[in-house]
């Protein structure tokens, strides 16, 4: 079985512990309790993994790199063993994230179990800890085992999604910077940047399929599990006191006509406008790219640089609608 986990290199963060993330002589992370951490460069890199199940765990010899890959400045051979060495929580401003210490088992054994090459995150869609703030560390524990589907992933459209423009619907893969799309709040707006990223449509990258008619869409659509969809009416008012809210697609799994589909390659697309907007995808209301640090962390390094150049001349983006976290949004699928 294969899956992908997004990992932040250890060199892209600082920790007050003298040994950094490394446990050196132990692998339970206890040396980090009471310390703090700061993410300096929020580049979360996709690491492709082969496994005999869909859980990324500690002490699992079946977890290996699927092809040669670079992790924290070192290129490791295909087949190199990997482990989720330990977990710990980081907190900031009332929010908490569970971090997984990503360990590459270098040949030769020794104390390699105590070396940590990066971190992954258990959480909701695009739900990474914020960069450039002091994160408090607690609750370090040995032996984590989480399903691959529990890790944060990109937010985007799959190929074949028609987007409403002033000239009618156009496929998302045909849209380019300079083209216009219709928005719910501000009419026709120009695309500042359009990008895409390919992946295998399994585990966390299996798209959510929304059958025709379920959410106003006139055809079956596929979006990433983290792509946010506009939900309004009685449910939004009942649970959240809002006329409309944005919810991640995976939180709607369980509603009739909404399911995961696996087994094919996918090509997820991003559209950046001058503001975060609600747009029409085959009659279904959904979002454009929200370029927070969380959102940018899902893009490739080249795409991040392109978007950051655009953002230099623009004010900070605000969400087009209230955004629900995953545990809140699951109420709408009940």
C-alpha atoms as a PDB file:
ATOM      1  CA  UNK A   1       0.000   0.000   0.000  1.00  0.00           C
ATOM      2  CA  UNK A   2       1.162   3.538  -0.692  1.00  0.00           C
ATOM      3  CA  UNK A   3       0.367   6.886   0.878  1.00  0.00           C
ATOM      4  CA  UNK A   4       1.893  10.336   1.293  1.00  0.00           C
ATOM      5  CA  UNK A   5       2.604  12.379   4.418  1.00  0.00           C
ATOM      6  CA  UNK A   6       3.598  16.048   4.466  1.00  0.00           C
ATOM      7  CA  UNK A   7       6.738  16.627   6.538  1.00  0.00           C
ATOM      8  CA  UNK A   8       8.451  19.796   7.786  1.00  0.00           C
ATOM      9  CA  UNK A   9      12.256  19.474   7.813  1.00  0.00           C
ATOM     10  CA  UNK A  10      13.886  19.835  11.230  1.00  0.00           C
ATOM     11  CA  UNK A  11      16.120  22.606   9.817  1.00  0.00           C
ATOM     12  CA  UNK A  12      13.000  24.705   9.125  1.00  0.00           C
ATOM     13  CA  UNK A  13      12.225  25.094  12.843  1.00  0.00           C
ATOM     14  CA  UNK A  14      13.930  25.913  16.131  1.00  0.00           C
ATOM     15  CA  UNK A  15      13.471  24.181  19.481  1.00  0.00           C
ATOM     16  CA  UNK A  16      14.697  25.352  22.890  1.00  0.00           C
ATOM     17  CA  UNK A  17      15.858  21.820  23.752  1.00  0.00           C
ATOM     18  CA  UNK A  18      19.695  21.614  23.503  1.00  0.00           C
ATOM     19  CA  UNK A  19      19.440  18.520  21.279  1.00  0.00           C
ATOM     20  CA  UNK A  20      16.638  19.881  19.106  1.00  0.00           C
ATOM     21  CA  UNK A  21      14.012  17.290  18.259  1.00  0.00           C
ATOM     22  CA  UNK A  22      16.484  14.405  18.639  1.00  0.00           C
ATOM     23  CA  UNK A  23      16.066  12.140  21.637  1.00  0.00           C
ATOM     24  CA  UNK A  24      19.623  10.776  21.155  1.00  0.00           C
ATOM     25  CA  UNK A  25      19.422   7.989  23.768  1.00  0.00           C
ATOM     26  CA  UNK A  26      15.653   7.599  23.922  1.00  0.00           C
ATOM     27  CA  UNK A  27      12.771   7.828  21.498  1.00  0.00           C
ATOM     28  CA  UNK A  28       9.799   8.918  23.592  1.00  0.00           C
ATOM     29  CA  UNK A  29      10.148  12.708  23.178  1.00  0.00           C
ATOM     30  CA  UNK A  30      10.113  13.345  26.919  1.00  0.00           C
ATOM     31  CA  UNK A  31      13.049  15.754  26.584  1.00  0.00           C
ATOM     32  CA  UNK A  32      10.695  18.163  24.778  1.00  0.00           C
ATOM     33  CA  UNK A  33       8.068  18.542  27.498  1.00  0.00           C
ATOM     34  CA  UNK A  34       8.093  22.131  28.765  1.00  0.00           C
ATOM     35  CA  UNK A  35      10.165  23.366  25.805  1.00  0.00           C
ATOM     36  CA  UNK A  36       9.024  25.669  22.986  1.00  0.00           C
ATOM     37  CA  UNK A  37       9.227  25.481  19.215  1.00  0.00           C
ATOM     38  CA  UNK A  38       9.061  28.050  16.392  1.00  0.00           C
ATOM     39  CA  UNK A  39       8.456  27.248  12.724  1.00  0.00           C
ATOM     40  CA  UNK A  40      10.681  29.541  10.663  1.00  0.00           C
ATOM     41  CA  UNK A  41      10.014  28.220   7.153  1.00  0.00           C
ATOM     42  CA  UNK A  42       6.618  26.504   6.708  1.00  0.00           C
ATOM     43  CA  UNK A  43       7.475  24.276   3.739  1.00  0.00           C
ATOM     44  CA  UNK A  44       5.706  20.941   4.207  1.00  0.00           C
ATOM     45  CA  UNK A  45       7.170  18.417   1.766  1.00  0.00           C
ATOM     46  CA  UNK A  46       5.214  15.368   0.517  1.00  0.00           C
ATOM     47  CA  UNK A  47       6.973  12.096   1.394  1.00  0.00           C
ATOM     48  CA  UNK A  48       5.785   9.006  -0.525  1.00  0.00           C
ATOM     49  CA  UNK A  49       5.676   5.864   1.628  1.00  0.00           C
ATOM     50  CA  UNK A  50       5.144   2.147   0.990  1.00  0.00           C
ATOM     51  CA  UNK A  51       3.559   0.147   3.809  1.00  0.00           C
ATOM     52  CA  UNK A  52       1.662  -3.084   4.456  1.00  0.00           C
ATOM     53  CA  UNK A  53      -1.204  -1.089   5.985  1.00  0.00           C
ATOM     54  CA  UNK A  54      -2.494   2.495   6.019  1.00  0.00           C
ATOM     55  CA  UNK A  55      -1.220   3.437   9.499  1.00  0.00           C
ATOM     56  CA  UNK A  56       2.048   5.356   9.944  1.00  0.00           C
ATOM     57  CA  UNK A  57       3.414   3.995  13.230  1.00  0.00           C
ATOM     58  CA  UNK A  58       6.356   3.516  15.545  1.00  0.00           C
ATOM     59  CA  UNK A  59       8.299   0.201  15.375  1.00  0.00           C
ATOM     60  CA  UNK A  60       6.871  -0.816  11.987  1.00  0.00           C
ATOM     61  CA  UNK A  61       9.546  -2.307   9.731  1.00  0.00           C
ATOM     62  CA  UNK A  62       7.236  -2.318   6.696  1.00  0.00           C
ATOM     63  CA  UNK A  63       7.248   1.502   6.333  1.00  0.00           C
ATOM     64  CA  UNK A  64       9.745   2.498   3.636  1.00  0.00           C
ATOM     65  CA  UNK A  65      10.415   5.325   1.186  1.00  0.00           C
ATOM     66  CA  UNK A  66       8.646   4.889  -2.144  1.00  0.00           C
ATOM     67  CA  UNK A  67      11.539   6.054  -4.329  1.00  0.00           C
ATOM     68  CA  UNK A  68      14.640   8.086  -3.456  1.00  0.00           C
ATOM     69  CA  UNK A  69      13.635  11.302  -1.672  1.00  0.00           C
ATOM     70  CA  UNK A  70      15.236  14.273   0.042  1.00  0.00           C
ATOM     71  CA  UNK A  71      14.440  14.845   3.714  1.00  0.00           C
ATOM     72  CA  UNK A  72      16.068  17.684   5.643  1.00  0.00           C
ATOM     73  CA  UNK A  73      18.832  18.134   3.073  1.00  0.00           C
ATOM     74  CA  UNK A  74      19.774  14.453   2.728  1.00  0.00           C
ATOM     75  CA  UNK A  75      18.681  12.173  -0.107  1.00  0.00           C
ATOM     76  CA  UNK A  76      17.720   8.714   1.115  1.00  0.00           C
ATOM     77  CA  UNK A  77      17.441   5.620  -1.079  1.00  0.00           C
ATOM     78  CA  UNK A  78      14.167   3.985  -2.002  1.00  0.00           C
ATOM     79  CA  UNK A  79      13.326   1.348   0.593  1.00  0.00           C
ATOM     80  CA  UNK A  80      14.824   3.243   3.550  1.00  0.00           C
ATOM     81  CA  UNK A  81      12.846   2.499   6.734  1.00  0.00           C
ATOM     82  CA  UNK A  82      10.722   5.200   8.359  1.00  0.00           C
ATOM     83  CA  UNK A  83       8.980   5.494  11.717  1.00  0.00           C
ATOM     84  CA  UNK A  84       6.611   7.735  13.638  1.00  0.00           C
ATOM     85  CA  UNK A  85       9.032   7.854  16.576  1.00  0.00           C
ATOM     86  CA  UNK A  86       6.979   9.820  19.093  1.00  0.00           C
ATOM     87  CA  UNK A  87       4.200  12.406  19.283  1.00  0.00           C
ATOM     88  CA  UNK A  88       3.769  15.652  21.189  1.00  0.00           C
ATOM     89  CA  UNK A  89       1.336  18.556  21.322  1.00  0.00           C
ATOM     90  CA  UNK A  90       2.090  22.180  20.482  1.00  0.00           C
ATOM     91  CA  UNK A  91      -0.208  25.001  21.561  1.00  0.00           C
ATOM     92  CA  UNK A  92      -0.682  28.638  20.635  1.00  0.00           C
ATOM     93  CA  UNK A  93      -3.445  31.099  21.440  1.00  0.00           C
ATOM     94  CA  UNK A  94      -5.845  28.398  22.621  1.00  0.00           C
ATOM     95  CA  UNK A  95      -5.331  26.032  19.667  1.00  0.00           C
ATOM     96  CA  UNK A  96      -3.489  22.713  19.890  1.00  0.00           C
ATOM     97  CA  UNK A  97      -1.903  20.501  17.233  1.00  0.00           C
ATOM     98  CA  UNK A  98      -0.537  16.965  17.568  1.00  0.00           C
ATOM     99  CA  UNK A  99       2.894  16.614  15.969  1.00  0.00           C
ATOM    100  CA  UNK A 100       4.472  13.347  14.823  1.00  0.00           C
ATOM    101  CA  UNK A 101       8.271  13.026  15.004  1.00  0.00           C
ATOM    102  CA  UNK A 102       9.345  11.661  11.606  1.00  0.00           C
ATOM    103  CA  UNK A 103      12.336   9.309  11.908  1.00  0.00           C
ATOM    104  CA  UNK A 104      14.524   7.960   9.093  1.00  0.00           C
ATOM    105  CA  UNK A 105      16.155   4.693  10.178  1.00  0.00           C
ATOM    106  CA  UNK A 106      19.638   5.097   8.723  1.00  0.00           C
ATOM    107  CA  UNK A 107      21.575   1.905   7.976  1.00  0.00           C
ATOM    108  CA  UNK A 108      23.749   0.735  10.861  1.00  0.00           C
ATOM    109  CA  UNK A 109      21.177   1.026  13.656  1.00  0.00           C
ATOM    110  CA  UNK A 110      22.776   2.443  16.796  1.00  0.00           C
ATOM    111  CA  UNK A 111      20.838   5.395  18.180  1.00  0.00           C
ATOM    112  CA  UNK A 112      19.201   6.260  14.860  1.00  0.00           C
ATOM    113  CA  UNK A 113      15.808   5.722  16.486  1.00  0.00           C
ATOM    114  CA  UNK A 114      16.433   8.868  18.519  1.00  0.00           C
ATOM    115  CA  UNK A 115      17.190  11.125  15.535  1.00  0.00           C
ATOM    116  CA  UNK A 116      14.287  13.091  14.127  1.00  0.00           C
ATOM    117  CA  UNK A 117      14.483  14.427  10.575  1.00  0.00           C
ATOM    118  CA  UNK A 118      11.162  16.299  10.531  1.00  0.00           C
ATOM    119  CA  UNK A 119       7.605  16.681  11.796  1.00  0.00           C
ATOM    120  CA  UNK A 120       4.180  15.791  10.449  1.00  0.00           C
ATOM    121  CA  UNK A 121       0.825  17.005  11.788  1.00  0.00           C
ATOM    122  CA  UNK A 122      -2.367  15.277  12.854  1.00  0.00           C
ATOM    123  CA  UNK A 123      -5.239  17.651  12.252  1.00  0.00           C
ATOM    124  CA  UNK A 124      -7.890  19.109  10.012  1.00  0.00           C
ATOM    125  CA  UNK A 125      -7.622  20.368   6.453  1.00  0.00           C
ATOM    126  CA  UNK A 126      -4.584  22.582   5.946  1.00  0.00           C
ATOM    127  CA  UNK A 127      -4.421  22.735   9.715  1.00  0.00           C
ATOM    128  CA  UNK A 128      -0.717  23.367  10.342  1.00  0.00           C
ATOM    129  CA  UNK A 129       0.649  25.307  13.316  1.00  0.00           C
ATOM    130  CA  UNK A 130       1.340  28.970  12.481  1.00  0.00           C
ATOM    131  CA  UNK A 131       4.911  30.010  11.658  1.00  0.00           C
ATOM    132  CA  UNK A 132       6.982  32.648  13.447  1.00  0.00           C
ATOM    133  CA  UNK A 133       5.207  32.302  16.796  1.00  0.00           C
ATOM    134  CA  UNK A 134       6.316  30.527  19.977  1.00  0.00           C
ATOM    135  CA  UNK A 135       4.575  27.150  20.295  1.00  0.00           C
ATOM    136  CA  UNK A 136       4.448  25.506  23.717  1.00  0.00           C
ATOM    137  CA  UNK A 137       5.287  21.774  23.802  1.00  0.00           C
ATOM    138  CA  UNK A 138       3.593  19.226  26.066  1.00  0.00           C
ATOM    139  CA  UNK A 139       2.236  15.688  26.247  1.00  0.00           C
ATOM    140  CA  UNK A 140       5.133  13.880  24.543  1.00  0.00           C
ATOM    141  CA  UNK A 141       4.361  10.185  24.085  1.00  0.00           C
ATOM    142  CA  UNK A 142       6.099   7.171  22.594  1.00  0.00           C
ATOM    143  CA  UNK A 143       4.576   4.791  20.059  1.00  0.00           C
ATOM    144  CA  UNK A 144       2.143   6.851  17.945  1.00  0.00           C
ATOM    145  CA  UNK A 145       0.031   5.069  15.340  1.00  0.00           C
ATOM    146  CA  UNK A 146      -2.305   7.205  13.238  1.00  0.00           C
ATOM    147  CA  UNK A 147      -4.123   6.445  10.009  1.00  0.00           C
ATOM    148  CA  UNK A 148      -2.559   8.104   6.972  1.00  0.00           C
ATOM    149  CA  UNK A 149      -5.907   9.808   6.397  1.00  0.00           C
ATOM    150  CA  UNK A 150      -5.445  11.698   9.685  1.00  0.00           C
ATOM    151  CA  UNK A 151      -2.653  13.951   8.384  1.00  0.00           C
ATOM    152  CA  UNK A 152      -3.151  17.416   6.865  1.00  0.00           C
ATOM    153  CA  UNK A 153      -3.275  17.662   3.057  1.00  0.00           C
ATOM    154  CA  UNK A 154      -3.662  20.283   0.265  1.00  0.00           C
ATOM    155  CA  UNK A 155      -6.828  22.241  -0.522  1.00  0.00           C
ATOM    156  CA  UNK A 156      -7.803  22.228  -4.225  1.00  0.00           C
ATOM    157  CA  UNK A 157     -10.011  21.158  -7.212  1.00  0.00           C
ATOM    158  CA  UNK A 158      -9.473  18.013  -9.288  1.00  0.00           C
ATOM    159  CA  UNK A 159      -9.174  18.144 -13.083  1.00  0.00           C
ATOM    160  CA  UNK A 160     -12.567  18.269 -14.811  1.00  0.00           C
ATOM    161  CA  UNK A 161     -14.292  20.756 -12.485  1.00  0.00           C
ATOM    162  CA  UNK A 162     -16.138  23.425 -14.505  1.00  0.00           C
ATOM    163  CA  UNK A 163     -15.815  26.958 -13.093  1.00  0.00           C
ATOM    164  CA  UNK A 164     -18.264  29.750 -13.984  1.00  0.00           C
ATOM    165  CA  UNK A 165     -16.663  32.628 -15.922  1.00  0.00           C
ATOM    166  CA  UNK A 166     -18.204  35.663 -17.668  1.00  0.00           C
ATOM    167  CA  UNK A 167     -18.204  33.555 -20.855  1.00  0.00           C
ATOM    168  CA  UNK A 168     -19.821  30.522 -19.238  1.00  0.00           C
ATOM    169  CA  UNK A 169     -18.333  27.428 -17.622  1.00  0.00           C
ATOM    170  CA  UNK A 170     -14.692  26.544 -18.310  1.00  0.00           C
ATOM    171  CA  UNK A 171     -12.725  23.570 -16.992  1.00  0.00           C
ATOM    172  CA  UNK A 172     -10.466  24.523 -14.092  1.00  0.00           C
ATOM    173  CA  UNK A 173      -7.416  23.031 -15.844  1.00  0.00           C
ATOM    174  CA  UNK A 174      -7.930  25.470 -18.761  1.00  0.00           C
ATOM    175  CA  UNK A 175      -7.926  28.612 -16.600  1.00  0.00           C
ATOM    176  CA  UNK A 176      -4.816  30.795 -16.484  1.00  0.00           C
ATOM    177  CA  UNK A 177      -3.654  33.973 -14.751  1.00  0.00           C
ATOM    178  CA  UNK A 178      -5.441  36.907 -16.383  1.00  0.00           C
ATOM    179  CA  UNK A 179      -8.667  34.992 -17.008  1.00  0.00           C
ATOM    180  CA  UNK A 180     -11.803  36.020 -15.123  1.00  0.00           C
ATOM    181  CA  UNK A 181     -14.173  33.948 -12.994  1.00  0.00           C
ATOM    182  CA  UNK A 182     -17.526  34.890 -11.537  1.00  0.00           C
ATOM    183  CA  UNK A 183     -17.703  35.332  -7.753  1.00  0.00           C
ATOM    184  CA  UNK A 184     -20.705  35.325  -5.423  1.00  0.00           C
ATOM    185  CA  UNK A 185     -19.842  38.675  -3.827  1.00  0.00           C
ATOM    186  CA  UNK A 186     -17.855  40.743  -6.321  1.00  0.00           C
ATOM    187  CA  UNK A 187     -18.874  39.747  -9.819  1.00  0.00           C
ATOM    188  CA  UNK A 188     -16.168  38.986 -12.365  1.00  0.00           C
ATOM    189  CA  UNK A 189     -12.699  38.838 -10.810  1.00  0.00           C
ATOM    190  CA  UNK A 190      -9.301  38.235 -12.389  1.00  0.00           C
ATOM    191  CA  UNK A 191      -7.217  35.163 -11.603  1.00  0.00           C
ATOM    192  CA  UNK A 192      -3.853  36.335 -10.251  1.00  0.00           C
ATOM    193  CA  UNK A 193      -2.279  32.867 -10.198  1.00  0.00           C
ATOM    194  CA  UNK A 194      -3.281  29.334 -11.202  1.00  0.00           C
ATOM    195  CA  UNK A 195      -1.331  26.203 -10.302  1.00  0.00           C
ATOM    196  CA  UNK A 196      -1.707  22.451  -9.937  1.00  0.00           C
ATOM    197  CA  UNK A 197      -0.158  19.434  -8.265  1.00  0.00           C
ATOM    198  CA  UNK A 198      -0.362  15.754  -9.242  1.00  0.00           C
ATOM    199  CA  UNK A 199      -0.728  12.866  -6.795  1.00  0.00           C
ATOM    200  CA  UNK A 200      -1.903   9.270  -6.554  1.00  0.00           C
ATOM    201  CA  UNK A 201      -5.578   9.235  -5.611  1.00  0.00           C
ATOM    202  CA  UNK A 202      -5.259   6.988  -2.570  1.00  0.00           C
ATOM    203  CA  UNK A 203      -5.419   7.425   1.204  1.00  0.00           C
ATOM    204  CA  UNK A 204      -5.324  11.156   2.034  1.00  0.00           C
ATOM    205  CA  UNK A 205      -5.191  12.047  -1.662  1.00  0.00           C
ATOM    206  CA  UNK A 206      -8.279  10.082  -2.638  1.00  0.00           C
ATOM    207  CA  UNK A 207     -10.693  12.758  -3.893  1.00  0.00           C
ATOM    208  CA  UNK A 208     -14.161  13.323  -2.510  1.00  0.00           C
ATOM    209  CA  UNK A 209     -16.765  12.575  -5.164  1.00  0.00           C
ATOM    210  CA  UNK A 210     -19.986  14.586  -4.980  1.00  0.00           C
ATOM    211  CA  UNK A 211     -22.756  13.114  -7.087  1.00  0.00           C
ATOM    212  CA  UNK A 212     -24.845  15.366  -9.325  1.00  0.00           C
ATOM    213  CA  UNK A 213     -27.580  17.250  -7.462  1.00  0.00           C
ATOM    214  CA  UNK A 214     -26.271  16.682  -3.932  1.00  0.00           C
ATOM    215  CA  UNK A 215     -24.945  20.228  -3.321  1.00  0.00           C
ATOM    216  CA  UNK A 216     -26.487  22.112  -6.226  1.00  0.00           C
ATOM    217  CA  UNK A 217     -23.985  20.692  -8.716  1.00  0.00           C
ATOM    218  CA  UNK A 218     -25.405  19.662 -12.095  1.00  0.00           C
ATOM    219  CA  UNK A 219     -22.768  16.979 -12.639  1.00  0.00           C
ATOM    220  CA  UNK A 220     -20.614  14.684 -10.527  1.00  0.00           C
ATOM    221  CA  UNK A 221     -17.551  16.521  -9.171  1.00  0.00           C
ATOM    222  CA  UNK A 222     -14.330  15.548  -7.451  1.00  0.00           C
ATOM    223  CA  UNK A 223     -12.382  17.790  -5.097  1.00  0.00           C
ATOM    224  CA  UNK A 224      -9.602  17.215  -2.578  1.00  0.00           C
ATOM    225  CA  UNK A 225     -10.627  16.098   0.879  1.00  0.00           C
ATOM    226  CA  UNK A 226      -9.668  19.520   2.262  1.00  0.00           C
ATOM    227  CA  UNK A 227     -11.350  21.722  -0.333  1.00  0.00           C
ATOM    228  CA  UNK A 228     -13.991  23.867   1.330  1.00  0.00           C
ATOM    229  CA  UNK A 229     -17.588  23.966   0.157  1.00  0.00           C
ATOM    230  CA  UNK A 230     -20.229  26.570   1.030  1.00  0.00           C
ATOM    231  CA  UNK A 231     -23.098  25.295   3.175  1.00  0.00           C
ATOM    232  CA  UNK A 232     -26.013  27.562   4.052  1.00  0.00           C
ATOM    233  CA  UNK A 233     -29.565  27.532   5.260  1.00  0.00           C
ATOM    234  CA  UNK A 234     -31.103  25.900   8.301  1.00  0.00           C
ATOM    235  CA  UNK A 235     -28.136  23.658   9.180  1.00  0.00           C
ATOM    236  CA  UNK A 236     -25.667  26.540   9.291  1.00  0.00           C
ATOM    237  CA  UNK A 237     -28.073  28.632  11.356  1.00  0.00           C
ATOM    238  CA  UNK A 238     -28.967  25.783  13.718  1.00  0.00           C
ATOM    239  CA  UNK A 239     -25.442  24.690  14.569  1.00  0.00           C
ATOM    240  CA  UNK A 240     -23.369  27.851  14.096  1.00  0.00           C
ATOM    241  CA  UNK A 241     -25.678  30.877  13.967  1.00  0.00           C
ATOM    242  CA  UNK A 242     -24.419  31.822  10.493  1.00  0.00           C
ATOM    243  CA  UNK A 243     -26.248  32.146   7.180  1.00  0.00           C
ATOM    244  CA  UNK A 244     -23.374  30.440   5.349  1.00  0.00           C
ATOM    245  CA  UNK A 245     -20.184  28.612   6.355  1.00  0.00           C
ATOM    246  CA  UNK A 246     -17.287  26.970   4.532  1.00  0.00           C
ATOM    247  CA  UNK A 247     -16.640  23.314   5.380  1.00  0.00           C
ATOM    248  CA  UNK A 248     -13.983  20.830   4.175  1.00  0.00           C
ATOM    249  CA  UNK A 249     -15.330  18.240   1.764  1.00  0.00           C
ATOM    250  CA  UNK A 250     -14.162  15.290   3.873  1.00  0.00           C
ATOM    251  CA  UNK A 251     -16.369  16.461   6.757  1.00  0.00           C
ATOM    252  CA  UNK A 252     -19.416  15.831   4.544  1.00  0.00           C
ATOM    253  CA  UNK A 253     -18.583  12.156   3.992  1.00  0.00           C
ATOM    254  CA  UNK A 254     -21.551  10.120   5.137  1.00  0.00           C
ATOM    255  CA  UNK A 255     -24.111  12.335   3.459  1.00  0.00           C
ATOM    256  CA  UNK A 256     -25.912  10.431   0.682  1.00  0.00           C
ATOM    257  CA  UNK A 257     -24.086  10.876  -2.613  1.00  0.00           C
ATOM    258  CA  UNK A 258     -20.752  11.984  -1.101  1.00  0.00           C
ATOM    259  CA  UNK A 259     -17.941   9.427  -0.906  1.00  0.00           C
ATOM    260  CA  UNK A 260     -14.223   8.868  -1.358  1.00  0.00           C
ATOM    261  CA  UNK A 261     -12.992   7.331  -4.609  1.00  0.00           C
ATOM    262  CA  UNK A 262      -9.558   5.732  -4.866  1.00  0.00           C
ATOM    263  CA  UNK A 263      -7.216   4.216  -7.383  1.00  0.00           C
ATOM    264  CA  UNK A 264      -6.632   6.874 -10.038  1.00  0.00           C
ATOM    265  CA  UNK A 265      -4.098   9.643 -10.440  1.00  0.00           C
ATOM    266  CA  UNK A 266      -5.432  13.099  -9.568  1.00  0.00           C
ATOM    267  CA  UNK A 267      -4.333  16.587 -10.519  1.00  0.00           C
ATOM    268  CA  UNK A 268      -5.461  19.144  -7.947  1.00  0.00           C
ATOM    269  CA  UNK A 269      -5.770  22.788  -9.051  1.00  0.00           C
ATOM    270  CA  UNK A 270      -5.552  26.104  -7.163  1.00  0.00           C
ATOM    271  CA  UNK A 271      -6.951  29.514  -8.181  1.00  0.00           C
ATOM    272  CA  UNK A 272      -5.767  32.703  -6.463  1.00  0.00           C
ATOM    273  CA  UNK A 273      -7.825  35.889  -6.825  1.00  0.00           C
ATOM    274  CA  UNK A 274      -7.372  39.362  -5.302  1.00  0.00           C
ATOM    275  CA  UNK A 275      -9.508  38.209  -2.354  1.00  0.00           C
ATOM    276  CA  UNK A 276     -10.727  34.919  -0.943  1.00  0.00           C
ATOM    277  CA  UNK A 277     -13.922  34.378  -2.919  1.00  0.00           C
ATOM    278  CA  UNK A 278     -16.865  32.018  -3.273  1.00  0.00           C
ATOM    279  CA  UNK A 279     -17.135  30.748  -6.851  1.00  0.00           C
ATOM    280  CA  UNK A 280     -19.469  28.482  -8.826  1.00  0.00           C
ATOM    281  CA  UNK A 281     -18.249  24.988  -9.707  1.00  0.00           C
ATOM    282  CA  UNK A 282     -20.964  23.363 -11.854  1.00  0.00           C
ATOM    283  CA  UNK A 283     -23.593  24.997  -9.632  1.00  0.00           C
ATOM    284  CA  UNK A 284     -21.892  24.138  -6.330  1.00  0.00           C
ATOM    285  CA  UNK A 285     -20.570  27.069  -4.291  1.00  0.00           C
ATOM    286  CA  UNK A 286     -16.955  26.620  -3.247  1.00  0.00           C
ATOM    287  CA  UNK A 287     -13.795  28.598  -2.460  1.00  0.00           C
ATOM    288  CA  UNK A 288     -10.724  29.972  -4.182  1.00  0.00           C
ATOM    289  CA  UNK A 289      -7.258  29.680  -2.616  1.00  0.00           C
ATOM    290  CA  UNK A 290      -6.927  31.353   0.784  1.00  0.00           C
ATOM    291  CA  UNK A 291      -3.185  32.219   0.921  1.00  0.00           C
ATOM    292  CA  UNK A 292      -2.583  32.010   4.638  1.00  0.00           C
ATOM    293  CA  UNK A 293       0.619  30.352   5.808  1.00  0.00           C
ATOM    294  CA  UNK A 294      -1.434  27.193   6.202  1.00  0.00           C
ATOM    295  CA  UNK A 295      -2.610  27.347   2.604  1.00  0.00           C
ATOM    296  CA  UNK A 296       0.780  28.218   1.143  1.00  0.00           C
ATOM    297  CA  UNK A 297       2.405  25.338   2.998  1.00  0.00           C
ATOM    298  CA  UNK A 298       0.426  22.946   0.777  1.00  0.00           C
ATOM    299  CA  UNK A 299       2.047  24.240  -2.432  1.00  0.00           C
ATOM    300  CA  UNK A 300       5.362  23.227  -3.933  1.00  0.00           C
ATOM    301  CA  UNK A 301       8.320  25.472  -3.115  1.00  0.00           C
ATOM    302  CA  UNK A 302       8.260  26.930  -6.645  1.00  0.00           C
ATOM    303  CA  UNK A 303       4.537  27.682  -6.397  1.00  0.00           C
ATOM    304  CA  UNK A 304       4.968  29.213  -2.956  1.00  0.00           C
ATOM    305  CA  UNK A 305       7.578  31.613  -4.310  1.00  0.00           C
ATOM    306  CA  UNK A 306       5.332  32.606  -7.216  1.00  0.00           C
ATOM    307  CA  UNK A 307       2.416  33.323  -4.882  1.00  0.00           C
ATOM    308  CA  UNK A 308       4.547  35.175  -2.332  1.00  0.00           C
ATOM    309  CA  UNK A 309       5.767  37.536  -5.051  1.00  0.00           C
ATOM    310  CA  UNK A 310       2.132  38.397  -5.826  1.00  0.00           C
ATOM    311  CA  UNK A 311       1.254  38.829  -2.154  1.00  0.00           C
ATOM    312  CA  UNK A 312       4.027  41.370  -1.566  1.00  0.00           C
ATOM    313  CA  UNK A 313       1.827  44.118  -3.036  1.00  0.00           C
ATOM    314  CA  UNK A 314      -1.473  42.973  -1.547  1.00  0.00           C
ATOM    315  CA  UNK A 315      -3.125  43.352   1.888  1.00  0.00           C
ATOM    316  CA  UNK A 316      -3.755  40.294   4.038  1.00  0.00           C
ATOM    317  CA  UNK A 317      -6.556  38.019   2.894  1.00  0.00           C
ATOM    318  CA  UNK A 318      -9.668  37.481   4.994  1.00  0.00           C
ATOM    319  CA  UNK A 319     -11.956  34.423   4.683  1.00  0.00           C
ATOM    320  CA  UNK A 320     -14.963  34.955   2.436  1.00  0.00           C
ATOM    321  CA  UNK A 321     -17.166  33.152   4.990  1.00  0.00           C
ATOM    322  CA  UNK A 322     -16.678  31.667   8.475  1.00  0.00           C
ATOM    323  CA  UNK A 323     -14.514  28.543   8.179  1.00  0.00           C
ATOM    324  CA  UNK A 324     -15.359  25.493  10.252  1.00  0.00           C
ATOM    325  CA  UNK A 325     -12.717  23.210  11.679  1.00  0.00           C
ATOM    326  CA  UNK A 326     -13.105  19.515  10.886  1.00  0.00           C
ATOM    327  CA  UNK A 327     -14.708  18.513  14.202  1.00  0.00           C
ATOM    328  CA  UNK A 328     -17.269  21.310  13.856  1.00  0.00           C
ATOM    329  CA  UNK A 329     -18.099  20.501  10.250  1.00  0.00           C
ATOM    330  CA  UNK A 330     -18.886  16.862  11.010  1.00  0.00           C
ATOM    331  CA  UNK A 331     -22.141  18.056  12.587  1.00  0.00           C
ATOM    332  CA  UNK A 332     -23.358  18.869   9.077  1.00  0.00           C
ATOM    333  CA  UNK A 333     -22.889  15.282   7.927  1.00  0.00           C
ATOM    334  CA  UNK A 334     -24.924  13.817  10.759  1.00  0.00           C
END
